[in-house]
Protein backbone atom coordinates (compact mmCIF):
# COMPACT_ATOMS: atom_id res chain seq x y z
CA MET A 1 -63.35 -9.53 0.14
CA SER A 2 -59.69 -10.77 -0.49
CA SER A 3 -58.70 -13.94 1.81
CA ALA A 4 -55.17 -12.73 2.20
CA PRO A 5 -54.01 -11.94 5.73
CA SER A 6 -53.74 -7.84 6.57
CA LEU A 7 -50.31 -6.11 6.51
CA ALA A 8 -50.03 -6.09 10.07
CA ALA A 9 -50.67 -9.81 10.45
CA ARG A 10 -48.21 -10.54 7.90
CA ASP A 11 -45.32 -8.38 9.97
CA SER A 12 -46.35 -10.17 12.91
CA SER A 13 -45.65 -13.98 11.46
CA ARG A 14 -42.22 -13.13 10.30
CA THR A 15 -39.35 -14.38 12.28
CA THR A 16 -35.67 -12.80 12.10
CA ALA A 17 -32.90 -15.28 12.49
CA THR A 18 -29.81 -14.35 14.28
CA THR A 19 -26.28 -15.49 13.95
CA THR A 20 -23.68 -16.11 16.13
CA THR A 21 -20.19 -15.85 15.54
CA THR A 22 -18.05 -17.43 18.39
CA THR A 23 -14.28 -16.61 17.69
CA ALA A 24 -11.27 -18.93 19.26
CA THR A 25 -8.75 -17.60 21.23
CA THR A 26 -5.17 -18.86 21.21
CA THR A 27 -2.92 -18.63 23.66
CA THR A 28 0.68 -18.81 22.88
CA THR A 29 3.29 -19.21 25.51
CA THR A 30 7.14 -19.17 24.40
CA ALA A 31 9.96 -20.78 26.55
CA ALA A 32 13.21 -18.93 27.34
CA ALA A 33 15.39 -19.06 24.40
CA PRO A 34 18.38 -21.66 24.75
CA ALA A 35 22.06 -20.29 25.07
CA LEU A 36 23.62 -19.71 21.84
CA SER A 37 26.49 -22.03 20.98
CA SER A 38 29.00 -21.06 18.15
CA LYS A 39 27.42 -22.86 15.78
CA ASP A 40 24.11 -20.72 15.84
CA LYS A 41 24.02 -17.71 12.96
CA ASP A 42 23.86 -14.97 15.30
CA PHE A 43 26.52 -16.32 17.89
CA ARG A 44 29.04 -13.69 18.56
CA GLY A 45 32.40 -14.53 19.31
CA LYS A 46 34.33 -12.67 22.57
CA SER A 47 35.12 -9.67 20.48
CA GLY A 48 31.39 -9.14 19.74
CA LYS A 49 31.75 -10.15 15.56
CA LYS A 50 29.99 -12.61 14.18
CA ILE A 51 32.34 -15.61 12.78
CA CYS A 52 32.53 -13.85 9.46
CA CYS A 53 34.04 -10.80 10.85
CA ALA A 54 36.16 -12.59 13.24
CA CYS A 55 40.12 -12.60 12.50
CA PRO A 56 40.27 -10.39 9.34
CA SER A 57 43.97 -10.40 9.31
CA THR A 58 44.16 -14.49 9.09
CA LYS A 59 40.80 -14.60 7.03
CA LEU A 60 42.76 -12.03 4.26
CA GLN A 61 45.97 -14.19 4.32
CA ARG A 62 43.82 -17.56 4.18
CA ASP A 63 41.59 -16.34 1.39
CA SER A 64 44.66 -14.83 -0.53
CA CYS A 65 46.58 -17.95 -0.03
CA VAL A 66 43.72 -20.31 -1.00
CA VAL A 67 43.24 -18.44 -4.42
CA GLU A 68 46.63 -18.10 -5.27
CA ARG A 69 47.97 -22.02 -4.47
CA GLY A 70 45.00 -23.71 -3.64
CA GLU A 71 43.76 -25.40 -0.63
CA ALA A 72 46.46 -27.97 0.13
CA ASP A 73 49.40 -25.89 -0.25
CA CYS A 74 47.73 -23.62 2.68
CA ARG A 75 46.99 -25.81 5.51
CA ASP A 76 49.17 -24.16 8.08
CA ILE A 77 47.43 -20.42 7.14
CA ILE A 78 43.92 -22.49 7.19
CA GLU A 79 45.15 -23.72 10.76
CA LYS A 80 46.38 -19.93 12.03
CA HIS A 81 42.84 -18.75 11.42
CA ARG A 82 40.91 -21.15 12.91
CA ALA A 83 43.20 -21.19 15.98
CA CYS A 84 42.08 -17.42 16.04
CA LEU A 85 38.48 -18.27 15.67
CA ARG A 86 38.98 -20.74 18.65
CA GLU A 87 40.42 -17.91 20.57
CA ASP A 88 37.69 -15.55 19.80
CA GLY A 89 35.07 -18.52 21.14
CA PHE A 90 34.14 -20.18 18.10
CA ASP A 91 33.58 -23.78 17.78
CA VAL A 92 35.57 -24.68 14.40
């Protein structure tokens, strides 16, 4: 006869390894957003416009002057545009 254990004995001697996986839970808390200043890219002036779109008439005059005559010769028009932006709530 054979000296090997019976099939039933072999099956009962097997052990099953169990792996337990634990995942960590991360809780993120965000603080209230600080008040926007005119230096923030999404700040909108009193007119509701971003700085790139505020004061279109003085912006056009300023841009045309700088292209045609150069910045040094357009200081008065540049200052008018800056004054318009300040009136709209921008810090320039």
